[in-house]
Amino acid sequence: MDLIHGSLLDKILIFAMPLAARSILQQLFNSADVAVVGQFAGSRALAAVGR
């Protein structure tokens, strides 16, 4: 990848997309954890998962 020539915006987006995708997936995983623990465990376990 040539980082010297071309549009700066394109290069920033190429580097930012994996970070944004990771963040969204991590939030979905945490939401699923809270939903499952909240359904089957007590409030103390939910507080531990919710950080």
PDB file of N, CA and C in Angstrom:
ATOM      1  N   MET A   1       0.843  -1.168   0.000  1.00  0.00           N
ATOM      2  CA  MET A   1       0.000   0.000   0.000  1.00  0.00           C
ATOM      3  C   MET A   1       0.893   1.238   0.000  1.00  0.00           C
ATOM      4  N   ASP A   2       0.618   2.125  -0.909  1.00  0.00           N
ATOM      5  CA  ASP A   2       1.386   3.358  -1.021  1.00  0.00           C
ATOM      6  C   ASP A   2       0.746   4.420  -0.138  1.00  0.00           C
ATOM      7  N   LEU A   3       1.409   4.754   0.956  1.00  0.00           N
ATOM      8  CA  LEU A   3       0.868   5.730   1.897  1.00  0.00           C
ATOM      9  C   LEU A   3       1.289   7.162   1.587  1.00  0.00           C
ATOM     10  N   ILE A   4       2.158   7.341   0.607  1.00  0.00           N
ATOM     11  CA  ILE A   4       2.662   8.670   0.303  1.00  0.00           C
ATOM     12  C   ILE A   4       1.786   9.386  -0.721  1.00  0.00           C
ATOM     13  N   HIS A   5       1.300   8.665  -1.709  1.00  0.00           N
ATOM     14  CA  HIS A   5       0.551   9.287  -2.800  1.00  0.00           C
ATOM     15  C   HIS A   5      -0.938   8.953  -2.671  1.00  0.00           C
ATOM     16  N   GLY A   6      -1.761   9.879  -3.141  1.00  0.00           N
ATOM     17  CA  GLY A   6      -3.199   9.649  -3.166  1.00  0.00           C
ATOM     18  C   GLY A   6      -3.917  10.361  -2.040  1.00  0.00           C
ATOM     19  N   SER A   7      -5.187  10.035  -1.923  1.00  0.00           N
ATOM     20  CA  SER A   7      -6.060  10.704  -0.961  1.00  0.00           C
ATOM     21  C   SER A   7      -5.777  10.242   0.467  1.00  0.00           C
ATOM     22  N   LEU A   8      -5.672  11.189   1.361  1.00  0.00           N
ATOM     23  CA  LEU A   8      -5.438  10.878   2.773  1.00  0.00           C
ATOM     24  C   LEU A   8      -6.680  10.257   3.408  1.00  0.00           C
ATOM     25  N   LEU A   9      -7.855  10.742   3.009  1.00  0.00           N
ATOM     26  CA  LEU A   9      -9.105  10.237   3.579  1.00  0.00           C
ATOM     27  C   LEU A   9      -9.278   8.741   3.324  1.00  0.00           C
ATOM     28  N   ASP A  10      -8.943   8.284   2.142  1.00  0.00           N
ATOM     29  CA  ASP A  10      -9.053   6.852   1.829  1.00  0.00           C
ATOM     30  C   ASP A  10      -8.170   6.014   2.753  1.00  0.00           C
ATOM     31  N   LYS A  11      -6.974   6.473   2.979  1.00  0.00           N
ATOM     32  CA  LYS A  11      -6.044   5.720   3.824  1.00  0.00           C
ATOM     33  C   LYS A  11      -6.496   5.704   5.284  1.00  0.00           C
ATOM     34  N   ILE A  12      -7.030   6.822   5.748  1.00  0.00           N
ATOM     35  CA  ILE A  12      -7.534   6.868   7.122  1.00  0.00           C
ATOM     36  C   ILE A  12      -8.709   5.905   7.290  1.00  0.00           C
ATOM     37  N   LEU A  13      -9.605   5.880   6.316  1.00  0.00           N
ATOM     38  CA  LEU A  13     -10.751   4.967   6.389  1.00  0.00           C
ATOM     39  C   LEU A  13     -10.324   3.509   6.346  1.00  0.00           C
ATOM     40  N   ILE A  14      -9.337   3.195   5.537  1.00  0.00           N
ATOM     41  CA  ILE A  14      -8.855   1.819   5.452  1.00  0.00           C
ATOM     42  C   ILE A  14      -8.297   1.358   6.801  1.00  0.00           C
ATOM     43  N   PHE A  15      -7.608   2.228   7.497  1.00  0.00           N
ATOM     44  CA  PHE A  15      -7.059   1.860   8.797  1.00  0.00           C
ATOM     45  C   PHE A  15      -8.111   1.899   9.901  1.00  0.00           C
ATOM     46  N   ALA A  16      -9.130   2.743   9.773  1.00  0.00           N
ATOM     47  CA  ALA A  16     -10.134   2.893  10.833  1.00  0.00           C
ATOM     48  C   ALA A  16     -11.213   1.817  10.795  1.00  0.00           C
ATOM     49  N   MET A  17     -11.499   1.257   9.648  1.00  0.00           N
ATOM     50  CA  MET A  17     -12.593   0.274   9.539  1.00  0.00           C
ATOM     51  C   MET A  17     -12.391  -0.961  10.424  1.00  0.00           C
ATOM     52  N   PRO A  18     -11.227  -1.581  10.452  1.00  0.00           N
ATOM     53  CA  PRO A  18     -11.071  -2.733  11.349  1.00  0.00           C
ATOM     54  C   PRO A  18     -11.251  -2.366  12.825  1.00  0.00           C
ATOM     55  N   LEU A  19     -10.806  -1.187  13.211  1.00  0.00           N
ATOM     56  CA  LEU A  19     -10.979  -0.759  14.600  1.00  0.00           C
ATOM     57  C   LEU A  19     -12.453  -0.555  14.930  1.00  0.00           C
ATOM     58  N   ALA A  20     -13.186   0.051  14.021  1.00  0.00           N
ATOM     59  CA  ALA A  20     -14.614   0.264  14.238  1.00  0.00           C
ATOM     60  C   ALA A  20     -15.356  -1.064  14.276  1.00  0.00           C
ATOM     61  N   ALA A  21     -15.018  -1.979  13.389  1.00  0.00           N
ATOM     62  CA  ALA A  21     -15.669  -3.292  13.368  1.00  0.00           C
ATOM     63  C   ALA A  21     -15.387  -4.060  14.655  1.00  0.00           C
ATOM     64  N   ARG A  22     -14.171  -3.984  15.139  1.00  0.00           N
ATOM     65  CA  ARG A  22     -13.820  -4.674  16.388  1.00  0.00           C
ATOM     66  C   ARG A  22     -14.615  -4.106  17.555  1.00  0.00           C
ATOM     67  N   SER A  23     -14.759  -2.818  17.583  1.00  0.00           N
ATOM     68  CA  SER A  23     -15.493  -2.170  18.661  1.00  0.00           C
ATOM     69  C   SER A  23     -16.968  -2.574  18.646  1.00  0.00           C
ATOM     70  N   ILE A  24     -17.568  -2.604  17.469  1.00  0.00           N
ATOM     71  CA  ILE A  24     -18.971  -2.999  17.353  1.00  0.00           C
ATOM     72  C   ILE A  24     -19.158  -4.450  17.764  1.00  0.00           C
ATOM     73  N   LEU A  25     -18.286  -5.335  17.313  1.00  0.00           N
ATOM     74  CA  LEU A  25     -18.390  -6.754  17.687  1.00  0.00           C
ATOM     75  C   LEU A  25     -18.194  -6.953  19.186  1.00  0.00           C
ATOM     76  N   GLN A  26     -17.279  -6.221  19.782  1.00  0.00           N
ATOM     77  CA  GLN A  26     -17.064  -6.328  21.223  1.00  0.00           C
ATOM     78  C   GLN A  26     -18.289  -5.870  21.995  1.00  0.00           C
ATOM     79  N   GLN A  27     -18.933  -4.810  21.542  1.00  0.00           N
ATOM     80  CA  GLN A  27     -20.146  -4.329  22.209  1.00  0.00           C
ATOM     81  C   GLN A  27     -21.279  -5.336  22.081  1.00  0.00           C
ATOM     82  N   LEU A  28     -21.416  -5.973  20.918  1.00  0.00           N
ATOM     83  CA  LEU A  28     -22.441  -7.007  20.738  1.00  0.00           C
ATOM     84  C   LEU A  28     -22.178  -8.208  21.648  1.00  0.00           C
ATOM     85  N   PHE A  29     -20.911  -8.596  21.774  1.00  0.00           N
ATOM     86  CA  PHE A  29     -20.555  -9.709  22.644  1.00  0.00           C
ATOM     87  C   PHE A  29     -20.877  -9.381  24.096  1.00  0.00           C
ATOM     88  N   ASN A  30     -20.556  -8.165  24.525  1.00  0.00           N
ATOM     89  CA  ASN A  30     -20.858  -7.762  25.901  1.00  0.00           C
ATOM     90  C   ASN A  30     -22.359  -7.697  26.143  1.00  0.00           C
ATOM     91  N   SER A  31     -23.114  -7.238  25.165  1.00  0.00           N
ATOM     92  CA  SER A  31     -24.572  -7.188  25.305  1.00  0.00           C
ATOM     93  C   SER A  31     -25.160  -8.587  25.429  1.00  0.00           C
ATOM     94  N   ALA A  32     -24.632  -9.527  24.662  1.00  0.00           N
ATOM     95  CA  ALA A  32     -25.095 -10.907  24.755  1.00  0.00           C
ATOM     96  C   ALA A  32     -24.761 -11.498  26.124  1.00  0.00           C
ATOM     97  N   ASP A  33     -23.574 -11.199  26.643  1.00  0.00           N
ATOM     98  CA  ASP A  33     -23.198 -11.668  27.982  1.00  0.00           C
ATOM     99  C   ASP A  33     -24.167 -11.141  29.039  1.00  0.00           C
ATOM    100  N   VAL A  34     -24.464  -9.860  28.979  1.00  0.00           N
ATOM    101  CA  VAL A  34     -25.366  -9.255  29.963  1.00  0.00           C
ATOM    102  C   VAL A  34     -26.754  -9.863  29.854  1.00  0.00           C
ATOM    103  N   ALA A  35     -27.224 -10.117  28.635  1.00  0.00           N
ATOM    104  CA  ALA A  35     -28.557 -10.695  28.447  1.00  0.00           C
ATOM    105  C   ALA A  35     -28.629 -12.107  29.019  1.00  0.00           C
ATOM    106  N   VAL A  36     -27.624 -12.919  28.758  1.00  0.00           N
ATOM    107  CA  VAL A  36     -27.638 -14.307  29.244  1.00  0.00           C
ATOM    108  C   VAL A  36     -27.481 -14.349  30.760  1.00  0.00           C
ATOM    109  N   VAL A  37     -26.545 -13.609  31.291  1.00  0.00           N
ATOM    110  CA  VAL A  37     -26.329 -13.619  32.740  1.00  0.00           C
ATOM    111  C   VAL A  37     -27.537 -13.017  33.458  1.00  0.00           C
ATOM    112  N   GLY A  38     -28.096 -11.968  32.892  1.00  0.00           N
ATOM    113  CA  GLY A  38     -29.275 -11.366  33.500  1.00  0.00           C
ATOM    114  C   GLY A  38     -30.468 -12.303  33.527  1.00  0.00           C
ATOM    115  N   GLN A  39     -30.558 -13.159  32.540  1.00  0.00           N
ATOM    116  CA  GLN A  39     -31.670 -14.111  32.479  1.00  0.00           C
ATOM    117  C   GLN A  39     -31.488 -15.270  33.458  1.00  0.00           C
ATOM    118  N   PHE A  40     -30.272 -15.769  33.620  1.00  0.00           N
ATOM    119  CA  PHE A  40     -30.057 -17.006  34.351  1.00  0.00           C
ATOM    120  C   PHE A  40     -29.316 -16.862  35.675  1.00  0.00           C
ATOM    121  N   ALA A  41     -28.790 -15.702  35.985  1.00  0.00           N
ATOM    122  CA  ALA A  41     -28.027 -15.539  37.222  1.00  0.00           C
ATOM    123  C   ALA A  41     -28.574 -14.354  38.008  1.00  0.00           C
ATOM    124  N   GLY A  42     -28.005 -14.121  39.143  1.00  0.00           N
ATOM    125  CA  GLY A  42     -28.476 -13.059  40.018  1.00  0.00           C
ATOM    126  C   GLY A  42     -27.863 -11.704  39.691  1.00  0.00           C
ATOM    127  N   SER A  43     -28.242 -10.743  40.504  1.00  0.00           N
ATOM    128  CA  SER A  43     -27.788  -9.375  40.263  1.00  0.00           C
ATOM    129  C   SER A  43     -26.292  -9.201  40.528  1.00  0.00           C
ATOM    130  N   ARG A  44     -25.741  -9.980  41.445  1.00  0.00           N
ATOM    131  CA  ARG A  44     -24.297  -9.867  41.706  1.00  0.00           C
ATOM    132  C   ARG A  44     -23.478 -10.358  40.508  1.00  0.00           C
ATOM    133  N   ALA A  45     -23.936 -11.433  39.884  1.00  0.00           N
ATOM    134  CA  ALA A  45     -23.246 -11.922  38.683  1.00  0.00           C
ATOM    135  C   ALA A  45     -23.386 -10.926  37.536  1.00  0.00           C
ATOM    136  N   LEU A  46     -24.549 -10.315  37.438  1.00  0.00           N
ATOM    137  CA  LEU A  46     -24.771  -9.322  36.392  1.00  0.00           C
ATOM    138  C   LEU A  46     -23.867  -8.102  36.611  1.00  0.00           C
ATOM    139  N   ALA A  47     -23.685  -7.708  37.846  1.00  0.00           N
ATOM    140  CA  ALA A  47     -22.792  -6.590  38.142  1.00  0.00           C
ATOM    141  C   ALA A  47     -21.345  -6.938  37.793  1.00  0.00           C
ATOM    142  N   ALA A  48     -20.966  -8.181  37.970  1.00  0.00           N
ATOM    143  CA  ALA A  48     -19.597  -8.601  37.644  1.00  0.00           C
ATOM    144  C   ALA A  48     -19.381  -8.610  36.143  1.00  0.00           C
ATOM    145  N   VAL A  49     -20.379  -8.992  35.381  1.00  0.00           N
ATOM    146  CA  VAL A  49     -20.245  -9.040  33.936  1.00  0.00           C
ATOM    147  C   VAL A  49     -20.296  -7.645  33.334  1.00  0.00           C
ATOM    148  N   GLY A  50     -21.147  -6.795  33.898  1.00  0.00           N
ATOM    149  CA  GLY A  50     -21.326  -5.457  33.362  1.00  0.00           C
ATOM    150  C   GLY A  50     -20.132  -4.542  33.552  1.00  0.00           C
ATOM    151  N   ARG A  51     -19.177  -4.928  34.389  1.00  0.00           N
ATOM    152  CA  ARG A  51     -17.960  -4.178  34.694  1.00  0.00           C
ATOM    153  C   ARG A  51     -18.296  -2.822  35.188  1.00  0.00           C
TER     154      ARG A  51
END
